[in-house]
Amino acid sequence: MVLPSSVWRIPAAFGHGITFGERMYVVLLSVASELLAFAAIGLVARWGEVFPRWVPYLGGRRVPTTAAVVPAALGAAAVTFVFTALTVVSEIRGTTIRGDELPSGFPGLAGGWEGAWFHLCYTPLLLWGPLLAVLTVGYHRRRRAARRAAGA
């Protein structure tokens, strides 16, 4: 869900007229989004239920369910809201978040292959939040069922 937008964003960061600060922002945004997306794998992987042995003080212990579910649920809600709002504002209303007109160089306004490439790379972000919510609910149910089975 997140990788296509980073694939699009990184080369765009090194285009003509982009300042060093803007480049760093785009690169750090891409790295941070990839790391957050990777953290969702913990909702389906063993290390999301039991801390790996190499983790100091926690290795081998069970991950508290709420320690995974609460951040994942908040993240799912935030990502869903942000990308839904961004899509509605920029693509449908044709304005920036602040209400200004989109700049003439806005990628979503480009025609041909450039516009298609932008939409192909950014549309999956609309699914990131809802799919993270599905993973979170599945994780919570699985952990609750395991807890009940252990208690029975």
C-alpha atoms as a PDB file:
ATOM      1  CA  MET A   1       0.000   0.000   0.000  1.00  0.00           C
ATOM      2  CA  VAL A   2       2.756   2.436   0.928  1.00  0.00           C
ATOM      3  CA  LEU A   3       5.629   1.389  -1.311  1.00  0.00           C
ATOM      4  CA  PRO A   4       4.180   2.679  -4.611  1.00  0.00           C
ATOM      5  CA  SER A   5       3.846   6.211  -3.240  1.00  0.00           C
ATOM      6  CA  SER A   6       7.455   6.126  -2.037  1.00  0.00           C
ATOM      7  CA  VAL A   7       8.567   4.834  -5.444  1.00  0.00           C
ATOM      8  CA  TRP A   8       6.871   7.859  -6.984  1.00  0.00           C
ATOM      9  CA  ARG A   9       7.905  10.365  -4.304  1.00  0.00           C
ATOM     10  CA  ILE A  10      11.659   9.674  -4.039  1.00  0.00           C
ATOM     11  CA  PRO A  11      12.562  10.459  -7.680  1.00  0.00           C
ATOM     12  CA  ALA A  12      10.245  13.493  -7.602  1.00  0.00           C
ATOM     13  CA  ALA A  13      12.185  14.804  -4.593  1.00  0.00           C
ATOM     14  CA  PHE A  14      15.288  15.135  -6.727  1.00  0.00           C
ATOM     15  CA  GLY A  15      13.607  17.067  -9.511  1.00  0.00           C
ATOM     16  CA  HIS A  16      14.526  20.543 -10.674  1.00  0.00           C
ATOM     17  CA  GLY A  17      13.762  23.379  -8.242  1.00  0.00           C
ATOM     18  CA  ILE A  18      13.490  21.241  -5.091  1.00  0.00           C
ATOM     19  CA  THR A  19      15.446  22.621  -2.120  1.00  0.00           C
ATOM     20  CA  PHE A  20      17.637  20.496   0.152  1.00  0.00           C
ATOM     21  CA  GLY A  21      15.147  20.812   3.016  1.00  0.00           C
ATOM     22  CA  GLU A  22      12.287  19.679   0.784  1.00  0.00           C
ATOM     23  CA  ARG A  23      14.370  16.731  -0.394  1.00  0.00           C
ATOM     24  CA  MET A  24      15.137  15.688   3.170  1.00  0.00           C
ATOM     25  CA  TYR A  25      11.474  16.011   4.117  1.00  0.00           C
ATOM     26  CA  VAL A  26      10.358  13.796   1.233  1.00  0.00           C
ATOM     27  CA  VAL A  27      13.021  11.164   1.899  1.00  0.00           C
ATOM     28  CA  LEU A  28      12.305  11.094   5.651  1.00  0.00           C
ATOM     29  CA  LEU A  29       8.549  10.976   4.993  1.00  0.00           C
ATOM     30  CA  SER A  30       9.059   7.994   2.702  1.00  0.00           C
ATOM     31  CA  VAL A  31      11.305   6.161   5.168  1.00  0.00           C
ATOM     32  CA  ALA A  32       8.948   6.843   8.089  1.00  0.00           C
ATOM     33  CA  SER A  33       5.890   5.679   6.161  1.00  0.00           C
ATOM     34  CA  GLU A  34       7.660   2.473   5.116  1.00  0.00           C
ATOM     35  CA  LEU A  35       8.708   1.753   8.714  1.00  0.00           C
ATOM     36  CA  LEU A  36       5.180   2.348  10.002  1.00  0.00           C
ATOM     37  CA  ALA A  37       3.761   0.119   7.292  1.00  0.00           C
ATOM     38  CA  PHE A  38       6.297  -2.577   8.179  1.00  0.00           C
ATOM     39  CA  ALA A  39       5.180  -2.412  11.812  1.00  0.00           C
ATOM     40  CA  ALA A  40       1.761  -3.666  10.668  1.00  0.00           C
ATOM     41  CA  ILE A  41       3.409  -6.983   9.836  1.00  0.00           C
ATOM     42  CA  GLY A  42       3.620  -7.514  13.586  1.00  0.00           C
ATOM     43  CA  LEU A  43      -0.156  -7.952  13.570  1.00  0.00           C
ATOM     44  CA  VAL A  44       0.255 -11.183  11.596  1.00  0.00           C
ATOM     45  CA  ALA A  45       3.787 -12.307  12.507  1.00  0.00           C
ATOM     46  CA  ARG A  46       5.029 -14.208  15.550  1.00  0.00           C
ATOM     47  CA  TRP A  47       7.039 -11.200  16.765  1.00  0.00           C
ATOM     48  CA  GLY A  48       3.738  -9.349  17.162  1.00  0.00           C
ATOM     49  CA  GLU A  49       2.657 -11.842  19.832  1.00  0.00           C
ATOM     50  CA  VAL A  50       5.951 -12.668  21.553  1.00  0.00           C
ATOM     51  CA  PHE A  51       8.894 -10.284  21.715  1.00  0.00           C
ATOM     52  CA  PRO A  52      11.954 -11.714  19.899  1.00  0.00           C
ATOM     53  CA  ARG A  53      14.623 -13.110  22.229  1.00  0.00           C
ATOM     54  CA  TRP A  54      17.144 -10.459  21.197  1.00  0.00           C
ATOM     55  CA  VAL A  55      14.982  -7.600  22.607  1.00  0.00           C
ATOM     56  CA  PRO A  56      16.530  -6.548  25.943  1.00  0.00           C
ATOM     57  CA  TYR A  57      14.378  -7.161  29.059  1.00  0.00           C
ATOM     58  CA  LEU A  58      11.349  -8.200  26.979  1.00  0.00           C
ATOM     59  CA  GLY A  59      12.695 -11.061  24.847  1.00  0.00           C
ATOM     60  CA  GLY A  60      10.476 -14.145  25.046  1.00  0.00           C
ATOM     61  CA  ARG A  61       7.624 -12.371  26.853  1.00  0.00           C
ATOM     62  CA  ARG A  62       4.162 -11.986  25.343  1.00  0.00           C
ATOM     63  CA  VAL A  63       3.340  -8.661  23.736  1.00  0.00           C
ATOM     64  CA  PRO A  64       0.440  -7.100  25.665  1.00  0.00           C
ATOM     65  CA  THR A  65      -2.563  -7.096  23.353  1.00  0.00           C
ATOM     66  CA  THR A  66      -3.442  -3.491  24.087  1.00  0.00           C
ATOM     67  CA  ALA A  67       0.144  -2.418  23.360  1.00  0.00           C
ATOM     68  CA  ALA A  68      -0.394  -3.540  19.772  1.00  0.00           C
ATOM     69  CA  VAL A  69      -4.121  -2.929  19.295  1.00  0.00           C
ATOM     70  CA  VAL A  70      -4.358   0.659  20.563  1.00  0.00           C
ATOM     71  CA  PRO A  71      -1.574   2.135  18.381  1.00  0.00           C
ATOM     72  CA  ALA A  72      -2.730   0.094  15.381  1.00  0.00           C
ATOM     73  CA  ALA A  73      -6.336   1.241  15.790  1.00  0.00           C
ATOM     74  CA  LEU A  74      -5.303   4.876  16.247  1.00  0.00           C
ATOM     75  CA  GLY A  75      -3.002   4.594  13.228  1.00  0.00           C
ATOM     76  CA  ALA A  76      -5.752   3.046  11.107  1.00  0.00           C
ATOM     77  CA  ALA A  77      -8.153   5.841  12.039  1.00  0.00           C
ATOM     78  CA  ALA A  78      -5.564   8.566  11.433  1.00  0.00           C
ATOM     79  CA  VAL A  79      -4.371   7.194   8.099  1.00  0.00           C
ATOM     80  CA  THR A  80      -7.932   6.666   6.895  1.00  0.00           C
ATOM     81  CA  PHE A  81      -8.896  10.208   7.843  1.00  0.00           C
ATOM     82  CA  VAL A  82      -5.762  11.830   6.428  1.00  0.00           C
ATOM     83  CA  PHE A  83      -5.784  10.114   3.062  1.00  0.00           C
ATOM     84  CA  THR A  84      -9.544  10.398   2.652  1.00  0.00           C
ATOM     85  CA  ALA A  85      -9.373  14.099   3.500  1.00  0.00           C
ATOM     86  CA  LEU A  86      -6.384  14.652   1.211  1.00  0.00           C
ATOM     87  CA  THR A  87      -8.123  12.913  -1.670  1.00  0.00           C
ATOM     88  CA  VAL A  88     -11.369  14.791  -1.209  1.00  0.00           C
ATOM     89  CA  VAL A  89      -9.659  18.142  -0.877  1.00  0.00           C
ATOM     90  CA  SER A  90      -7.035  17.876  -3.591  1.00  0.00           C
ATOM     91  CA  GLU A  91      -8.656  15.670  -6.204  1.00  0.00           C
ATOM     92  CA  ILE A  92     -12.354  16.415  -5.900  1.00  0.00           C
ATOM     93  CA  ARG A  93     -12.389  20.043  -4.748  1.00  0.00           C
ATOM     94  CA  GLY A  94      -9.246  20.950  -6.670  1.00  0.00           C
ATOM     95  CA  THR A  95      -7.675  22.862  -3.789  1.00  0.00           C
ATOM     96  CA  THR A  96      -4.881  22.420  -1.290  1.00  0.00           C
ATOM     97  CA  ILE A  97      -5.653  21.613   2.334  1.00  0.00           C
ATOM     98  CA  ARG A  98      -5.494  25.350   3.084  1.00  0.00           C
ATOM     99  CA  GLY A  99      -8.081  26.055   0.372  1.00  0.00           C
ATOM    100  CA  ASP A 100      -5.679  27.536  -2.185  1.00  0.00           C
ATOM    101  CA  GLU A 101      -5.917  26.564  -5.838  1.00  0.00           C
ATOM    102  CA  LEU A 102      -3.747  23.605  -6.774  1.00  0.00           C
ATOM    103  CA  PRO A 103      -0.481  24.740  -8.373  1.00  0.00           C
ATOM    104  CA  SER A 104      -0.191  24.218 -12.101  1.00  0.00           C
ATOM    105  CA  GLY A 105       2.551  21.639 -11.520  1.00  0.00           C
ATOM    106  CA  PHE A 106       0.427  19.485  -9.176  1.00  0.00           C
ATOM    107  CA  PRO A 107       0.961  15.852 -10.225  1.00  0.00           C
ATOM    108  CA  GLY A 108      -2.732  14.960 -10.096  1.00  0.00           C
ATOM    109  CA  LEU A 109      -3.414  17.593 -12.767  1.00  0.00           C
ATOM    110  CA  ALA A 110      -0.842  16.207 -15.174  1.00  0.00           C
ATOM    111  CA  GLY A 111      -2.195  14.464 -18.211  1.00  0.00           C
ATOM    112  CA  GLY A 112      -1.049  11.345 -19.997  1.00  0.00           C
ATOM    113  CA  TRP A 113       1.332   8.873 -18.449  1.00  0.00           C
ATOM    114  CA  GLU A 114       2.510  11.289 -15.737  1.00  0.00           C
ATOM    115  CA  GLY A 115      -0.980  11.685 -14.285  1.00  0.00           C
ATOM    116  CA  ALA A 116      -1.707   7.981 -14.653  1.00  0.00           C
ATOM    117  CA  TRP A 117       1.574   7.084 -12.913  1.00  0.00           C
ATOM    118  CA  PHE A 118       0.801   9.476 -10.034  1.00  0.00           C
ATOM    119  CA  HIS A 119      -2.701   8.060  -9.511  1.00  0.00           C
ATOM    120  CA  LEU A 120      -1.484   4.481  -9.853  1.00  0.00           C
ATOM    121  CA  CYS A 121       1.108   5.083  -7.131  1.00  0.00           C
ATOM    122  CA  TYR A 122      -1.046   7.082  -4.719  1.00  0.00           C
ATOM    123  CA  THR A 123      -4.451   5.387  -4.962  1.00  0.00           C
ATOM    124  CA  PRO A 124      -3.369   2.381  -2.832  1.00  0.00           C
ATOM    125  CA  LEU A 125      -2.851   4.765   0.103  1.00  0.00           C
ATOM    126  CA  LEU A 126      -6.638   5.044   0.321  1.00  0.00           C
ATOM    127  CA  LEU A 127      -6.678   1.374   1.328  1.00  0.00           C
ATOM    128  CA  TRP A 128      -3.905   1.577   3.929  1.00  0.00           C
ATOM    129  CA  GLY A 129      -6.133   2.705   6.809  1.00  0.00           C
ATOM    130  CA  PRO A 130      -9.080   0.355   6.202  1.00  0.00           C
ATOM    131  CA  LEU A 131      -6.793  -2.651   5.683  1.00  0.00           C
ATOM    132  CA  LEU A 132      -4.831  -1.782   8.822  1.00  0.00           C
ATOM    133  CA  ALA A 133      -8.162  -1.698  10.682  1.00  0.00           C
ATOM    134  CA  VAL A 134      -8.986  -5.193   9.360  1.00  0.00           C
ATOM    135  CA  LEU A 135      -5.579  -6.475  10.517  1.00  0.00           C
ATOM    136  CA  THR A 136      -6.095  -4.874  13.920  1.00  0.00           C
ATOM    137  CA  VAL A 137      -9.494  -6.468  14.445  1.00  0.00           C
ATOM    138  CA  GLY A 138      -8.136  -9.840  13.312  1.00  0.00           C
ATOM    139  CA  TYR A 139      -5.174  -9.546  15.688  1.00  0.00           C
ATOM    140  CA  HIS A 140      -7.428  -8.631  18.600  1.00  0.00           C
ATOM    141  CA  ARG A 141      -9.810 -11.519  17.918  1.00  0.00           C
ATOM    142  CA  ARG A 142      -6.970 -14.007  17.505  1.00  0.00           C
ATOM    143  CA  ARG A 143      -5.298 -12.931  20.744  1.00  0.00           C
ATOM    144  CA  ARG A 144      -8.613 -12.948  22.630  1.00  0.00           C
ATOM    145  CA  ALA A 145      -9.395 -16.469  21.359  1.00  0.00           C
ATOM    146  CA  ALA A 146      -5.925 -17.659  22.390  1.00  0.00           C
ATOM    147  CA  ARG A 147      -6.385 -16.130  25.838  1.00  0.00           C
ATOM    148  CA  ARG A 148      -9.748 -17.877  26.239  1.00  0.00           C
ATOM    149  CA  ALA A 149      -8.315 -21.195  25.081  1.00  0.00           C
ATOM    150  CA  ALA A 150      -5.425 -20.888  27.558  1.00  0.00           C
ATOM    151  CA  GLY A 151      -7.844 -20.068  30.358  1.00  0.00           C
ATOM    152  CA  ALA A 152     -10.232 -22.957  29.556  1.00  0.00           C
END
